[in-house]
């Protein structure tokens, strides 16, 4: 589950999940909900190393997604964890609309772990 939080200039979210895999699935949902995108059928799969702490992994992976949207017209479609790697499926797209997410920032990025994982992220728009 994620929810948008008030932020003066950027877009801020709080994600509450049971697992790291769910965290990344929620991040994909944020992208899907943030943009209106006309997807093609062509898929590309990429793997990401999850050996870093969760904050660094989220920062690097989500900023790579933003780069792939801008440079290769690949949109994050789904993901799962397999053998300590995040396997992401991207789909090519024809059109994309919405306020551009320019970057995920370290400012405001935080993880709390208890019985749930709580991740807070801020996107520069």
PDB file of N, CA and C in Angstrom:
ATOM      1  N   UNK A   1       0.846  -1.169   0.000  1.00  0.00           N
ATOM      2  CA  UNK A   1       0.000   0.000   0.000  1.00  0.00           C
ATOM      3  C   UNK A   1       0.896   1.237   0.000  1.00  0.00           C
ATOM      4  N   UNK A   2       0.528   2.206  -0.825  1.00  0.00           N
ATOM      5  CA  UNK A   2       1.239   3.478  -0.793  1.00  0.00           C
ATOM      6  C   UNK A   2       0.231   4.605  -0.697  1.00  0.00           C
ATOM      7  N   UNK A   3       0.707   5.742  -0.212  1.00  0.00           N
ATOM      8  CA  UNK A   3      -0.143   6.934  -0.181  1.00  0.00           C
ATOM      9  C   UNK A   3       0.734   8.141  -0.458  1.00  0.00           C
ATOM     10  N   UNK A   4       0.128   9.127  -1.118  1.00  0.00           N
ATOM     11  CA  UNK A   4       0.859  10.356  -1.407  1.00  0.00           C
ATOM     12  C   UNK A   4       0.790  11.260  -0.192  1.00  0.00           C
ATOM     13  N   UNK A   5       1.925  11.878   0.142  1.00  0.00           N
ATOM     14  CA  UNK A   5       2.013  12.808   1.255  1.00  0.00           C
ATOM     15  C   UNK A   5       2.199  14.219   0.720  1.00  0.00           C
ATOM     16  N   UNK A   6       1.784  15.209   1.489  1.00  0.00           N
ATOM     17  CA  UNK A   6       1.973  16.602   1.072  1.00  0.00           C
ATOM     18  C   UNK A   6       3.455  16.932   1.024  1.00  0.00           C
ATOM     19  N   UNK A   7       3.843  17.655  -0.012  1.00  0.00           N
ATOM     20  CA  UNK A   7       5.212  18.127  -0.139  1.00  0.00           C
ATOM     21  C   UNK A   7       5.154  19.423  -0.930  1.00  0.00           C
ATOM     22  N   UNK A   8       5.969  20.399  -0.550  1.00  0.00           N
ATOM     23  CA  UNK A   8       5.839  21.735  -1.126  1.00  0.00           C
ATOM     24  C   UNK A   8       6.071  21.793  -2.629  1.00  0.00           C
ATOM     25  N   UNK A   9       7.109  21.148  -3.150  1.00  0.00           N
ATOM     26  CA  UNK A   9       7.430  21.312  -4.564  1.00  0.00           C
ATOM     27  C   UNK A   9       7.461  19.993  -5.329  1.00  0.00           C
ATOM     28  N   UNK A  10       7.728  18.909  -4.651  1.00  0.00           N
ATOM     29  CA  UNK A  10       7.924  17.640  -5.321  1.00  0.00           C
ATOM     30  C   UNK A  10       6.786  16.681  -4.985  1.00  0.00           C
ATOM     31  N   UNK A  11       6.949  15.428  -5.366  1.00  0.00           N
ATOM     32  CA  UNK A  11       5.950  14.404  -5.086  1.00  0.00           C
ATOM     33  C   UNK A  11       6.542  13.455  -4.057  1.00  0.00           C
ATOM     34  N   UNK A  12       5.811  13.243  -2.974  1.00  0.00           N
ATOM     35  CA  UNK A  12       6.304  12.429  -1.866  1.00  0.00           C
ATOM     36  C   UNK A  12       5.319  11.297  -1.589  1.00  0.00           C
ATOM     37  N   UNK A  13       5.859  10.086  -1.349  1.00  0.00           N
ATOM     38  CA  UNK A  13       5.028   8.921  -1.058  1.00  0.00           C
ATOM     39  C   UNK A  13       5.543   8.195   0.172  1.00  0.00           C
ATOM     40  N   UNK A  14       4.616   7.512   0.822  1.00  0.00           N
ATOM     41  CA  UNK A  14       4.947   6.569   1.881  1.00  0.00           C
ATOM     42  C   UNK A  14       4.416   5.212   1.447  1.00  0.00           C
ATOM     43  N   UNK A  15       5.280   4.209   1.487  1.00  0.00           N
ATOM     44  CA  UNK A  15       4.926   2.852   1.077  1.00  0.00           C
ATOM     45  C   UNK A  15       5.047   1.959   2.305  1.00  0.00           C
ATOM     46  N   UNK A  16       4.005   1.174   2.584  1.00  0.00           N
ATOM     47  CA  UNK A  16       4.006   0.253   3.716  1.00  0.00           C
ATOM     48  C   UNK A  16       3.752  -1.145   3.173  1.00  0.00           C
ATOM     49  N   UNK A  17       4.722  -2.056   3.412  1.00  0.00           N
ATOM     50  CA  UNK A  17       4.638  -3.403   2.841  1.00  0.00           C
ATOM     51  C   UNK A  17       5.197  -4.438   3.807  1.00  0.00           C
ATOM     52  N   UNK A  18       4.960  -5.704   3.458  1.00  0.00           N
ATOM     53  CA  UNK A  18       5.473  -6.814   4.246  1.00  0.00           C
ATOM     54  C   UNK A  18       6.840  -7.287   3.783  1.00  0.00           C
ATOM     55  N   UNK A  19       7.211  -7.003   2.526  1.00  0.00           N
ATOM     56  CA  UNK A  19       8.463  -7.542   1.987  1.00  0.00           C
ATOM     57  C   UNK A  19       9.113  -6.537   1.030  1.00  0.00           C
ATOM     58  N   UNK A  20      10.386  -6.762   0.755  1.00  0.00           N
ATOM     59  CA  UNK A  20      11.083  -5.916  -0.209  1.00  0.00           C
ATOM     60  C   UNK A  20      10.483  -6.055  -1.603  1.00  0.00           C
ATOM     61  N   UNK A  21      10.076  -7.258  -1.976  1.00  0.00           N
ATOM     62  CA  UNK A  21       9.445  -7.437  -3.282  1.00  0.00           C
ATOM     63  C   UNK A  21       8.198  -6.564  -3.399  1.00  0.00           C
ATOM     64  N   UNK A  22       7.383  -6.545  -2.348  1.00  0.00           N
ATOM     65  CA  UNK A  22       6.180  -5.704  -2.371  1.00  0.00           C
ATOM     66  C   UNK A  22       6.533  -4.227  -2.494  1.00  0.00           C
ATOM     67  N   UNK A  23       7.632  -3.796  -1.877  1.00  0.00           N
ATOM     68  CA  UNK A  23       8.058  -2.400  -1.984  1.00  0.00           C
ATOM     69  C   UNK A  23       8.257  -2.036  -3.452  1.00  0.00           C
ATOM     70  N   UNK A  24       8.989  -2.883  -4.184  1.00  0.00           N
ATOM     71  CA  UNK A  24       9.251  -2.580  -5.591  1.00  0.00           C
ATOM     72  C   UNK A  24       7.989  -2.685  -6.432  1.00  0.00           C
ATOM     73  N   UNK A  25       7.101  -3.612  -6.109  1.00  0.00           N
ATOM     74  CA  UNK A  25       5.826  -3.694  -6.828  1.00  0.00           C
ATOM     75  C   UNK A  25       4.998  -2.425  -6.622  1.00  0.00           C
ATOM     76  N   UNK A  26       5.027  -1.882  -5.405  1.00  0.00           N
ATOM     77  CA  UNK A  26       4.318  -0.630  -5.130  1.00  0.00           C
ATOM     78  C   UNK A  26       4.950   0.537  -5.892  1.00  0.00           C
ATOM     79  N   UNK A  27       6.272   0.546  -5.997  1.00  0.00           N
ATOM     80  CA  UNK A  27       6.930   1.591  -6.784  1.00  0.00           C
ATOM     81  C   UNK A  27       6.505   1.512  -8.247  1.00  0.00           C
ATOM     82  N   UNK A  28       6.373   0.300  -8.788  1.00  0.00           N
ATOM     83  CA  UNK A  28       5.865   0.145 -10.157  1.00  0.00           C
ATOM     84  C   UNK A  28       4.448   0.700 -10.237  1.00  0.00           C
ATOM     85  N   UNK A  29       3.617   0.405  -9.236  1.00  0.00           N
ATOM     86  CA  UNK A  29       2.239   0.923  -9.227  1.00  0.00           C
ATOM     87  C   UNK A  29       2.219   2.449  -9.209  1.00  0.00           C
ATOM     88  N   UNK A  30       3.150   3.058  -8.474  1.00  0.00           N
ATOM     89  CA  UNK A  30       3.220   4.521  -8.449  1.00  0.00           C
ATOM     90  C   UNK A  30       3.474   5.045  -9.857  1.00  0.00           C
ATOM     91  N   UNK A  31       4.416   4.442 -10.570  1.00  0.00           N
ATOM     92  CA  UNK A  31       4.684   4.863 -11.948  1.00  0.00           C
ATOM     93  C   UNK A  31       3.442   4.684 -12.818  1.00  0.00           C
ATOM     94  N   UNK A  32       2.777   3.549 -12.701  1.00  0.00           N
ATOM     95  CA  UNK A  32       1.578   3.287 -13.511  1.00  0.00           C
ATOM     96  C   UNK A  32       0.464   4.282 -13.201  1.00  0.00           C
ATOM     97  N   UNK A  33       0.322   4.637 -11.921  1.00  0.00           N
ATOM     98  CA  UNK A  33      -0.725   5.584 -11.534  1.00  0.00           C
ATOM     99  C   UNK A  33      -0.351   7.030 -11.858  1.00  0.00           C
ATOM    100  N   UNK A  34       0.939   7.319 -11.869  1.00  0.00           N
ATOM    101  CA  UNK A  34       1.406   8.694 -12.101  1.00  0.00           C
ATOM    102  C   UNK A  34       1.318   9.083 -13.578  1.00  0.00           C
ATOM    103  N   UNK A  35       1.575   8.132 -14.442  1.00  0.00           N
ATOM    104  CA  UNK A  35       1.599   8.397 -15.879  1.00  0.00           C
ATOM    105  C   UNK A  35       0.410   7.756 -16.581  1.00  0.00           C
ATOM    106  N   UNK A  36       0.014   8.372 -17.669  1.00  0.00           N
ATOM    107  CA  UNK A  36      -0.893   7.747 -18.619  1.00  0.00           C
ATOM    108  C   UNK A  36      -0.008   7.314 -19.786  1.00  0.00           C
ATOM    109  N   UNK A  37       0.068   6.013 -20.017  1.00  0.00           N
ATOM    110  CA  UNK A  37       1.029   5.505 -20.990  1.00  0.00           C
ATOM    111  C   UNK A  37       0.356   4.491 -21.906  1.00  0.00           C
ATOM    112  N   UNK A  38       0.661   4.592 -23.197  1.00  0.00           N
ATOM    113  CA  UNK A  38       0.151   3.609 -24.165  1.00  0.00           C
ATOM    114  C   UNK A  38       1.283   2.636 -24.456  1.00  0.00           C
ATOM    115  N   UNK A  39       1.144   1.425 -23.906  1.00  0.00           N
ATOM    116  CA  UNK A  39       2.195   0.418 -23.970  1.00  0.00           C
ATOM    117  C   UNK A  39       2.116  -0.416 -25.239  1.00  0.00           C
ATOM    118  N   UNK A  40       3.273  -0.859 -25.691  1.00  0.00           N
ATOM    119  CA  UNK A  40       3.365  -1.833 -26.766  1.00  0.00           C
ATOM    120  C   UNK A  40       3.496  -3.220 -26.137  1.00  0.00           C
ATOM    121  N   UNK A  41       3.481  -4.249 -26.964  1.00  0.00           N
ATOM    122  CA  UNK A  41       3.594  -5.615 -26.464  1.00  0.00           C
ATOM    123  C   UNK A  41       5.039  -6.014 -26.159  1.00  0.00           C
ATOM    124  N   UNK A  42       6.008  -5.385 -26.817  1.00  0.00           N
ATOM    125  CA  UNK A  42       7.420  -5.753 -26.679  1.00  0.00           C
ATOM    126  C   UNK A  42       7.897  -5.597 -25.241  1.00  0.00           C
ATOM    127  N   UNK A  43       8.474  -6.677 -24.681  1.00  0.00           N
ATOM    128  CA  UNK A  43       8.977  -6.660 -23.311  1.00  0.00           C
ATOM    129  C   UNK A  43      10.498  -6.794 -23.272  1.00  0.00           C
ATOM    130  N   UNK A  44      11.074  -6.195 -22.259  1.00  0.00           N
ATOM    131  CA  UNK A  44      12.504  -6.311 -21.954  1.00  0.00           C
ATOM    132  C   UNK A  44      12.622  -6.617 -20.475  1.00  0.00           C
ATOM    133  N   UNK A  45      13.474  -7.578 -20.134  1.00  0.00           N
ATOM    134  CA  UNK A  45      13.706  -7.910 -18.719  1.00  0.00           C
ATOM    135  C   UNK A  45      15.110  -7.477 -18.325  1.00  0.00           C
ATOM    136  N   UNK A  46      15.213  -6.861 -17.155  1.00  0.00           N
ATOM    137  CA  UNK A  46      16.495  -6.455 -16.592  1.00  0.00           C
ATOM    138  C   UNK A  46      16.571  -6.936 -15.152  1.00  0.00           C
ATOM    139  N   UNK A  47      17.786  -7.271 -14.721  1.00  0.00           N
ATOM    140  CA  UNK A  47      18.008  -7.704 -13.350  1.00  0.00           C
ATOM    141  C   UNK A  47      18.817  -6.652 -12.597  1.00  0.00           C
ATOM    142  N   UNK A  48      18.463  -6.472 -11.331  1.00  0.00           N
ATOM    143  CA  UNK A  48      19.159  -5.533 -10.461  1.00  0.00           C
ATOM    144  C   UNK A  48      19.656  -6.262  -9.221  1.00  0.00           C
ATOM    145  N   UNK A  49      20.863  -5.961  -8.829  1.00  0.00           N
ATOM    146  CA  UNK A  49      21.480  -6.540  -7.644  1.00  0.00           C
ATOM    147  C   UNK A  49      20.832  -5.940  -6.398  1.00  0.00           C
ATOM    148  N   UNK A  50      20.495  -6.779  -5.439  1.00  0.00           N
ATOM    149  CA  UNK A  50      19.886  -6.305  -4.197  1.00  0.00           C
ATOM    150  C   UNK A  50      20.812  -6.476  -2.997  1.00  0.00           C
ATOM    151  N   UNK A  51      22.116  -6.514  -3.234  1.00  0.00           N
ATOM    152  CA  UNK A  51      23.052  -6.711  -2.130  1.00  0.00           C
ATOM    153  C   UNK A  51      23.261  -5.439  -1.295  1.00  0.00           C
ATOM    154  N   UNK A  52      22.865  -4.284  -1.815  1.00  0.00           N
ATOM    155  CA  UNK A  52      22.983  -3.024  -1.072  1.00  0.00           C
ATOM    156  C   UNK A  52      21.855  -2.943  -0.041  1.00  0.00           C
ATOM    157  N   UNK A  53      21.951  -1.949   0.846  1.00  0.00           N
ATOM    158  CA  UNK A  53      20.817  -1.735   1.743  1.00  0.00           C
ATOM    159  C   UNK A  53      19.631  -1.250   0.909  1.00  0.00           C
ATOM    160  N   UNK A  54      18.442  -1.372   1.473  1.00  0.00           N
ATOM    161  CA  UNK A  54      17.222  -1.083   0.716  1.00  0.00           C
ATOM    162  C   UNK A  54      17.173   0.359   0.220  1.00  0.00           C
ATOM    163  N   UNK A  55      17.586   1.320   1.025  1.00  0.00           N
ATOM    164  CA  UNK A  55      17.555   2.725   0.594  1.00  0.00           C
ATOM    165  C   UNK A  55      18.392   2.936  -0.661  1.00  0.00           C
ATOM    166  N   UNK A  56      19.620   2.427  -0.657  1.00  0.00           N
ATOM    167  CA  UNK A  56      20.497   2.598  -1.822  1.00  0.00           C
ATOM    168  C   UNK A  56      19.961   1.850  -3.035  1.00  0.00           C
ATOM    169  N   UNK A  57      19.434   0.653  -2.822  1.00  0.00           N
ATOM    170  CA  UNK A  57      18.876  -0.124  -3.938  1.00  0.00           C
ATOM    171  C   UNK A  57      17.691   0.605  -4.564  1.00  0.00           C
ATOM    172  N   UNK A  58      16.784   1.112  -3.734  1.00  0.00           N
ATOM    173  CA  UNK A  58      15.628   1.855  -4.252  1.00  0.00           C
ATOM    174  C   UNK A  58      16.099   3.075  -5.028  1.00  0.00           C
ATOM    175  N   UNK A  59      17.030   3.826  -4.467  1.00  0.00           N
ATOM    176  CA  UNK A  59      17.536   5.027  -5.134  1.00  0.00           C
ATOM    177  C   UNK A  59      18.099   4.685  -6.513  1.00  0.00           C
ATOM    178  N   UNK A  60      18.985   3.706  -6.584  1.00  0.00           N
ATOM    179  CA  UNK A  60      19.632   3.352  -7.846  1.00  0.00           C
ATOM    180  C   UNK A  60      18.651   2.762  -8.853  1.00  0.00           C
ATOM    181  N   UNK A  61      17.803   1.852  -8.403  1.00  0.00           N
ATOM    182  CA  UNK A  61      16.886   1.155  -9.316  1.00  0.00           C
ATOM    183  C   UNK A  61      15.835   2.110  -9.868  1.00  0.00           C
ATOM    184  N   UNK A  62      15.198   2.881  -9.007  1.00  0.00           N
ATOM    185  CA  UNK A  62      14.133   3.786  -9.474  1.00  0.00           C
ATOM    186  C   UNK A  62      14.707   4.861 -10.394  1.00  0.00           C
ATOM    187  N   UNK A  63      15.889   5.367 -10.103  1.00  0.00           N
ATOM    188  CA  UNK A  63      16.491   6.347 -11.016  1.00  0.00           C
ATOM    189  C   UNK A  63      16.865   5.703 -12.346  1.00  0.00           C
ATOM    190  N   UNK A  64      17.212   4.423 -12.343  1.00  0.00           N
ATOM    191  CA  UNK A  64      17.434   3.732 -13.604  1.00  0.00           C
ATOM    192  C   UNK A  64      16.132   3.611 -14.386  1.00  0.00           C
ATOM    193  N   UNK A  65      15.025   3.327 -13.702  1.00  0.00           N
ATOM    194  CA  UNK A  65      13.725   3.274 -14.382  1.00  0.00           C
ATOM    195  C   UNK A  65      13.424   4.604 -15.062  1.00  0.00           C
ATOM    196  N   UNK A  66      13.663   5.707 -14.357  1.00  0.00           N
ATOM    197  CA  UNK A  66      13.410   7.038 -14.930  1.00  0.00           C
ATOM    198  C   UNK A  66      14.282   7.247 -16.166  1.00  0.00           C
ATOM    199  N   UNK A  67      15.538   6.837 -16.079  1.00  0.00           N
ATOM    200  CA  UNK A  67      16.442   6.935 -17.226  1.00  0.00           C
ATOM    201  C   UNK A  67      15.916   6.103 -18.403  1.00  0.00           C
ATOM    202  N   UNK A  68      15.446   4.885 -18.143  1.00  0.00           N
ATOM    203  CA  UNK A  68      14.949   4.014 -19.217  1.00  0.00           C
ATOM    204  C   UNK A  68      13.691   4.583 -19.865  1.00  0.00           C
ATOM    205  N   UNK A  69      12.853   5.228 -19.083  1.00  0.00           N
ATOM    206  CA  UNK A  69      11.665   5.877 -19.646  1.00  0.00           C
ATOM    207  C   UNK A  69      12.095   6.979 -20.610  1.00  0.00           C
ATOM    208  N   UNK A  70      13.030   7.806 -20.183  1.00  0.00           N
ATOM    209  CA  UNK A  70      13.462   8.954 -20.985  1.00  0.00           C
ATOM    210  C   UNK A  70      14.295   8.551 -22.194  1.00  0.00           C
ATOM    211  N   UNK A  71      15.208   7.615 -22.016  1.00  0.00           N
ATOM    212  CA  UNK A  71      16.190   7.335 -23.071  1.00  0.00           C
ATOM    213  C   UNK A  71      15.805   6.196 -24.013  1.00  0.00           C
ATOM    214  N   UNK A  72      15.116   5.181 -23.488  1.00  0.00           N
ATOM    215  CA  UNK A  72      14.849   3.995 -24.313  1.00  0.00           C
ATOM    216  C   UNK A  72      13.366   3.708 -24.500  1.00  0.00           C
ATOM    217  N   UNK A  73      12.511   4.577 -23.960  1.00  0.00           N
ATOM    218  CA  UNK A  73      11.067   4.384 -24.043  1.00  0.00           C
ATOM    219  C   UNK A  73      10.648   3.021 -23.506  1.00  0.00           C
ATOM    220  N   UNK A  74      11.241   2.661 -22.357  1.00  0.00           N
ATOM    221  CA  UNK A  74      10.886   1.440 -21.644  1.00  0.00           C
ATOM    222  C   UNK A  74      10.204   1.828 -20.339  1.00  0.00           C
ATOM    223  N   UNK A  75       9.037   1.256 -20.089  1.00  0.00           N
ATOM    224  CA  UNK A  75       8.237   1.601 -18.911  1.00  0.00           C
ATOM    225  C   UNK A  75       8.209   0.418 -17.948  1.00  0.00           C
ATOM    226  N   UNK A  76       8.460   0.643 -16.643  1.00  0.00           N
ATOM    227  CA  UNK A  76       8.412  -0.462 -15.681  1.00  0.00           C
ATOM    228  C   UNK A  76       7.003  -1.040 -15.611  1.00  0.00           C
ATOM    229  N   UNK A  77       6.906  -2.348 -15.802  1.00  0.00           N
ATOM    230  CA  UNK A  77       5.602  -2.998 -15.893  1.00  0.00           C
ATOM    231  C   UNK A  77       5.351  -3.972 -14.745  1.00  0.00           C
ATOM    232  N   UNK A  78       6.392  -4.691 -14.320  1.00  0.00           N
ATOM    233  CA  UNK A  78       6.249  -5.669 -13.244  1.00  0.00           C
ATOM    234  C   UNK A  78       7.640  -5.998 -12.707  1.00  0.00           C
ATOM    235  N   UNK A  79       7.683  -6.597 -11.527  1.00  0.00           N
ATOM    236  CA  UNK A  79       8.968  -7.029 -10.977  1.00  0.00           C
ATOM    237  C   UNK A  79       8.743  -8.102  -9.924  1.00  0.00           C
ATOM    238  N   UNK A  80       9.792  -8.875  -9.693  1.00  0.00           N
ATOM    239  CA  UNK A  80       9.792  -9.874  -8.625  1.00  0.00           C
ATOM    240  C   UNK A  80      11.240 -10.148  -8.219  1.00  0.00           C
ATOM    241  N   UNK A  81      11.402 -10.718  -7.030  1.00  0.00           N
ATOM    242  CA  UNK A  81      12.737 -11.052  -6.553  1.00  0.00           C
ATOM    243  C   UNK A  81      12.981 -12.537  -6.798  1.00  0.00           C
ATOM    244  N   UNK A  82      14.141 -12.803  -7.400  1.00  0.00           N
ATOM    245  CA  UNK A  82      14.541 -14.177  -7.695  1.00  0.00           C
ATOM    246  C   UNK A  82      16.048 -14.286  -7.496  1.00  0.00           C
ATOM    247  N   UNK A  83      16.487 -15.201  -6.657  1.00  0.00           N
ATOM    248  CA  UNK A  83      17.913 -15.417  -6.399  1.00  0.00           C
ATOM    249  C   UNK A  83      18.629 -14.122  -5.999  1.00  0.00           C
ATOM    250  N   UNK A  84      18.070 -13.396  -5.060  1.00  0.00           N
ATOM    251  CA  UNK A  84      18.656 -12.145  -4.551  1.00  0.00           C
ATOM    252  C   UNK A  84      18.818 -11.060  -5.611  1.00  0.00           C
ATOM    253  N   UNK A  85      18.032 -11.139  -6.657  1.00  0.00           N
ATOM    254  CA  UNK A  85      18.031 -10.106  -7.694  1.00  0.00           C
ATOM    255  C   UNK A  85      16.590  -9.661  -7.921  1.00  0.00           C
ATOM    256  N   UNK A  86      16.441  -8.380  -8.241  1.00  0.00           N
ATOM    257  CA  UNK A  86      15.140  -7.876  -8.640  1.00  0.00           C
ATOM    258  C   UNK A  86      15.059  -8.013 -10.147  1.00  0.00           C
ATOM    259  N   UNK A  87      14.102  -8.800 -10.608  1.00  0.00           N
ATOM    260  CA  UNK A  87      13.896  -9.002 -12.037  1.00  0.00           C
ATOM    261  C   UNK A  87      12.726  -8.119 -12.453  1.00  0.00           C
ATOM    262  N   UNK A  88      13.003  -7.166 -13.331  1.00  0.00           N
ATOM    263  CA  UNK A  88      11.987  -6.201 -13.757  1.00  0.00           C
ATOM    264  C   UNK A  88      11.634  -6.416 -15.227  1.00  0.00           C
ATOM    265  N   UNK A  89      10.351  -6.385 -15.491  1.00  0.00           N
ATOM    266  CA  UNK A  89       9.843  -6.436 -16.855  1.00  0.00           C
ATOM    267  C   UNK A  89       9.455  -5.023 -17.257  1.00  0.00           C
ATOM    268  N   UNK A  90       9.962  -4.606 -18.400  1.00  0.00           N
ATOM    269  CA  UNK A  90       9.639  -3.298 -18.968  1.00  0.00           C
ATOM    270  C   UNK A  90       8.903  -3.523 -20.272  1.00  0.00           C
ATOM    271  N   UNK A  91       8.008  -2.594 -20.602  1.00  0.00           N
ATOM    272  CA  UNK A  91       7.336  -2.640 -21.900  1.00  0.00           C
ATOM    273  C   UNK A  91       7.631  -1.352 -22.640  1.00  0.00           C
ATOM    274  N   UNK A  92       7.876  -1.501 -23.934  1.00  0.00           N
ATOM    275  CA  UNK A  92       8.055  -0.320 -24.766  1.00  0.00           C
ATOM    276  C   UNK A  92       6.737   0.440 -24.807  1.00  0.00           C
ATOM    277  N   UNK A  93       6.829   1.745 -25.035  1.00  0.00           N
ATOM    278  CA  UNK A  93       5.605   2.536 -25.111  1.00  0.00           C
ATOM    279  C   UNK A  93       5.645   3.466 -26.312  1.00  0.00           C
ATOM    280  N   UNK A  94       4.421   3.825 -26.752  1.00  0.00           N
ATOM    281  CA  UNK A  94       4.263   4.752 -27.872  1.00  0.00           C
ATOM    282  C   UNK A  94       4.117   6.180 -27.376  1.00  0.00           C
ATOM    283  N   UNK A  95       3.323   6.356 -26.332  1.00  0.00           N
ATOM    284  CA  UNK A  95       3.040   7.691 -25.800  1.00  0.00           C
ATOM    285  C   UNK A  95       3.072   7.648 -24.288  1.00  0.00           C
ATOM    286  N   UNK A  96       3.461   8.774 -23.703  1.00  0.00           N
ATOM    287  CA  UNK A  96       3.419   8.892 -22.246  1.00  0.00           C
ATOM    288  C   UNK A  96       2.991  10.320 -21.912  1.00  0.00           C
ATOM    289  N   UNK A  97       2.087  10.450 -20.944  1.00  0.00           N
ATOM    290  CA  UNK A  97       1.615  11.755 -20.504  1.00  0.00           C
ATOM    291  C   UNK A  97       1.656  11.799 -18.989  1.00  0.00           C
ATOM    292  N   UNK A  98       1.747  12.987 -18.464  1.00  0.00           N
ATOM    293  CA  UNK A  98       1.762  13.178 -17.021  1.00  0.00           C
ATOM    294  C   UNK A  98       2.939  14.048 -16.634  1.00  0.00           C
ATOM    295  N   UNK A  99       2.937  14.483 -15.388  1.00  0.00           N
ATOM    296  CA  UNK A  99       4.042  15.287 -14.876  1.00  0.00           C
ATOM    297  C   UNK A  99       5.273  14.395 -14.772  1.00  0.00           C
ATOM    298  N   UNK A 100       6.353  14.828 -15.410  1.00  0.00           N
ATOM    299  CA  UNK A 100       7.567  14.022 -15.459  1.00  0.00           C
ATOM    300  C   UNK A 100       8.184  13.849 -14.075  1.00  0.00           C
ATOM    301  N   UNK A 101       8.509  12.601 -13.748  1.00  0.00           N
ATOM    302  CA  UNK A 101       9.315  12.325 -12.568  1.00  0.00           C
ATOM    303  C   UNK A 101      10.760  12.411 -13.027  1.00  0.00           C
ATOM    304  N   UNK A 102      11.484  13.442 -12.576  1.00  0.00           N
ATOM    305  CA  UNK A 102      12.848  13.676 -13.066  1.00  0.00           C
ATOM    306  C   UNK A 102      13.877  12.841 -12.328  1.00  0.00           C
ATOM    307  N   UNK A 103      13.645  12.592 -11.045  1.00  0.00           N
ATOM    308  CA  UNK A 103      14.609  11.808 -10.261  1.00  0.00           C
ATOM    309  C   UNK A 103      13.996  11.468  -8.909  1.00  0.00           C
ATOM    310  N   UNK A 104      14.451  10.357  -8.352  1.00  0.00           N
ATOM    311  CA  UNK A 104      14.178  10.036  -6.965  1.00  0.00           C
ATOM    312  C   UNK A 104      15.320  10.652  -6.168  1.00  0.00           C
ATOM    313  N   UNK A 105      15.011  11.366  -5.106  1.00  0.00           N
ATOM    314  CA  UNK A 105      16.046  12.080  -4.363  1.00  0.00           C
ATOM    315  C   UNK A 105      16.430  11.323  -3.096  1.00  0.00           C
ATOM    316  N   UNK A 106      17.652  11.574  -2.621  1.00  0.00           N
ATOM    317  CA  UNK A 106      18.045  11.054  -1.312  1.00  0.00           C
ATOM    318  C   UNK A 106      17.368  11.851  -0.201  1.00  0.00           C
ATOM    319  N   UNK A 107      17.059  13.131  -0.504  1.00  0.00           N
ATOM    320  CA  UNK A 107      16.362  13.963   0.474  1.00  0.00           C
ATOM    321  C   UNK A 107      14.977  13.357   0.727  1.00  0.00           C
ATOM    322  N   UNK A 108      14.699  13.024   1.949  1.00  0.00           N
ATOM    323  CA  UNK A 108      13.397  12.464   2.287  1.00  0.00           C
ATOM    324  C   UNK A 108      13.307  10.959   2.129  1.00  0.00           C
ATOM    325  N   UNK A 109      14.364  10.325   1.608  1.00  0.00           N
ATOM    326  CA  UNK A 109      14.369   8.874   1.428  1.00  0.00           C
ATOM    327  C   UNK A 109      14.670   8.217   2.766  1.00  0.00           C
ATOM    328  N   UNK A 110      13.805   7.327   3.199  1.00  0.00           N
ATOM    329  CA  UNK A 110      14.030   6.666   4.474  1.00  0.00           C
ATOM    330  C   UNK A 110      13.289   5.350   4.567  1.00  0.00           C
ATOM    331  N   UNK A 111      13.873   4.421   5.333  1.00  0.00           N
ATOM    332  CA  UNK A 111      13.279   3.105   5.554  1.00  0.00           C
ATOM    333  C   UNK A 111      13.183   2.861   7.048  1.00  0.00           C
ATOM    334  N   UNK A 112      12.026   2.390   7.472  1.00  0.00           N
ATOM    335  CA  UNK A 112      11.831   1.928   8.847  1.00  0.00           C
ATOM    336  C   UNK A 112      11.354   0.489   8.770  1.00  0.00           C
ATOM    337  N   UNK A 113      11.924  -0.361   9.625  1.00  0.00           N
ATOM    338  CA  UNK A 113      11.516  -1.764   9.654  1.00  0.00           C
ATOM    339  C   UNK A 113      11.025  -2.128  11.050  1.00  0.00           C
ATOM    340  N   UNK A 114       9.869  -2.724  11.071  1.00  0.00           N
ATOM    341  CA  UNK A 114       9.332  -3.329  12.291  1.00  0.00           C
ATOM    342  C   UNK A 114       8.621  -4.587  11.812  1.00  0.00           C
ATOM    343  N   UNK A 115       7.344  -4.726  12.075  1.00  0.00           N
ATOM    344  CA  UNK A 115       6.613  -5.845  11.482  1.00  0.00           C
ATOM    345  C   UNK A 115       6.307  -5.566  10.006  1.00  0.00           C
ATOM    346  N   UNK A 116       6.445  -4.328   9.589  1.00  0.00           N
ATOM    347  CA  UNK A 116       6.268  -3.899   8.192  1.00  0.00           C
ATOM    348  C   UNK A 116       7.502  -3.123   7.753  1.00  0.00           C
ATOM    349  N   UNK A 117       7.640  -2.954   6.449  1.00  0.00           N
ATOM    350  CA  UNK A 117       8.657  -2.065   5.894  1.00  0.00           C
ATOM    351  C   UNK A 117       7.945  -0.776   5.515  1.00  0.00           C
ATOM    352  N   UNK A 118       8.432   0.339   6.030  1.00  0.00           N
ATOM    353  CA  UNK A 118       7.875   1.640   5.696  1.00  0.00           C
ATOM    354  C   UNK A 118       8.957   2.401   4.941  1.00  0.00           C
ATOM    355  N   UNK A 119       8.653   2.735   3.689  1.00  0.00           N
ATOM    356  CA  UNK A 119       9.598   3.464   2.840  1.00  0.00           C
ATOM    357  C   UNK A 119       8.982   4.804   2.489  1.00  0.00           C
ATOM    358  N   UNK A 120       9.760   5.868   2.671  1.00  0.00           N
ATOM    359  CA  UNK A 120       9.327   7.201   2.264  1.00  0.00           C
ATOM    360  C   UNK A 120      10.246   7.667   1.143  1.00  0.00           C
ATOM    361  N   UNK A 121       9.644   8.157   0.054  1.00  0.00           N
ATOM    362  CA  UNK A 121      10.413   8.617  -1.102  1.00  0.00           C
ATOM    363  C   UNK A 121       9.910   9.973  -1.554  1.00  0.00           C
ATOM    364  N   UNK A 122      10.827  10.737  -2.157  1.00  0.00           N
ATOM    365  CA  UNK A 122      10.494  12.043  -2.729  1.00  0.00           C
ATOM    366  C   UNK A 122      11.025  12.051  -4.168  1.00  0.00           C
ATOM    367  N   UNK A 123      10.129  12.373  -5.100  1.00  0.00           N
ATOM    368  CA  UNK A 123      10.511  12.505  -6.507  1.00  0.00           C
ATOM    369  C   UNK A 123      10.621  13.974  -6.860  1.00  0.00           C
ATOM    370  N   UNK A 124      11.675  14.327  -7.557  1.00  0.00           N
ATOM    371  CA  UNK A 124      11.833  15.655  -8.130  1.00  0.00           C
ATOM    372  C   UNK A 124      10.987  15.683  -9.398  1.00  0.00           C
ATOM    373  N   UNK A 125      10.131  16.709  -9.515  1.00  0.00           N
ATOM    374  CA  UNK A 125       9.270  16.803 -10.707  1.00  0.00           C
ATOM    375  C   UNK A 125       9.572  18.066 -11.491  1.00  0.00           C
TER     376      UNK A 125
END
